[in-house]
Amino acid sequence: MRINCPKDLLLENLQSVLKTVSTKSTMPVLSGIRIDLKDSGSIELASTDMELSLRLAMEAQVEGEGALVAPGRLMTDVVRSLPTGDVILEMDEKEQVLEVRCGTASFRLNCLPAADFPRLPAMPEDGSFEIDSGPMVSTINTVARAASRDETRPLLTGILVKFSKDKIKMVATDSYRLSVRETAATSSLKDKREIIVPRSSLEELARICGQAETEKVSVGIMDGQVIFSAGRVVLTSRLIEGQFPNYQQLLPDEFKYEISMDREELLEAVGRISLMAQKNAPLRLKFSSGELTISAQTPQVGEAKETMAVAFQGEEVEIGFNPDFLREGIDSVSEEQVALRVISPLRPGLIKASGDDFLYLIMPIRLNG
């Protein structure tokens, strides 16, 4: 069994599949990449960490059929080290060896039998549907940053995804902020579906869709898993079980002030002053008649402030936020104007655009002095 393909193409595909190779499992086969030679003359590469799996088809000159599980990271490093040119892979299923050759360089890698590799699910014929990939990707990129990275609270590391016939809605929270976005998206779905998908899985899907440049993503939901197919890549992820927080209850019914500001001007000012908000120091936003003063102070480091004109009238109010969370919320708005709604220094603030398609709720930091 023999494969001949350009080094750059092989390396690109190995690097993609390497993202879902396990680095922690005690099962050696999960640290490998399955290489499957098909009778159609194509190759399928696959990897899994039992939470997330990825398989992709690539074009190459193929002779014969068969499969092996090669050491994932080692093989990728070997191919990366090869000179530019065509790479020849020769597989010996009986001896469980993969020979890699390019120019005068030659490697023999000990492999594992393909039978030991977990069986990856196929897209279900019933119940799968297609959805526009553009809205899917933009919604992921907007909402995902608000999902928790704390694995001790697994439910919050997921993103609530609501599919319907003409839109997609995603919700994420780490308990300090909440991001909600609803986007128009055409799908072949007849009924509404709702799932909780790990943040890392959706971020990988967004990356894949960006590379595939496909207009549609196929989605299949089955047995606690979701399958996404985009172009020549199939991504399978476990779903997170449980009841996602009732985000509607977290959104205040009314706000005392709504201040509309130039998004780019505000984002730049927040970025500058945030340089002085170190060691968990808050970024202070002080609204007074006709202006906003942004300031930060860190003992033994320094302080900074900047004033910008805003359309604010009313009683002076000062509120503190985590600078990174605030910056990411402003950055998530795609329009020229961003609105900040506030109630009081101890109540959450809300960042939004002109409509209600995107909402970003952020908890305040109590200010001293």
Foldseek 3Di string as FASTA:
>chain_A
DKWKDWLVQVLVVLVLQCVAQDPDDPDQLQQWWKWWQDPVQWIKIKHHPPFKIKIFIDHTGDDDTFMWTFRRVVVSVVSVPADGDMWMWDADQVQQWIWIDDDHDIDITRTHHPVPDDDDDDFDPPAKKKKFLVQLLLQLVLALVAADPDVVPVQQQWWKWKDDQFKIKIWHHPPQKIKIFIGTMHMPDHDMDIFIFGSVQSVSVSVVCVVLVAGMWMWGDDDQKIWIDGHRMIMIGGTDDDDHDPVVVQDDPDFPDKWKDFLVVVLVQLVVQCVQQPPPWWWKWKDAQQKIKTKTHDPPRGIDIDMDGTHDYDDIAMATFHSVLVSSLSVSDPDRMKMWTHHHNQGWIWIDDPDVRMIMIGGTDDDDD
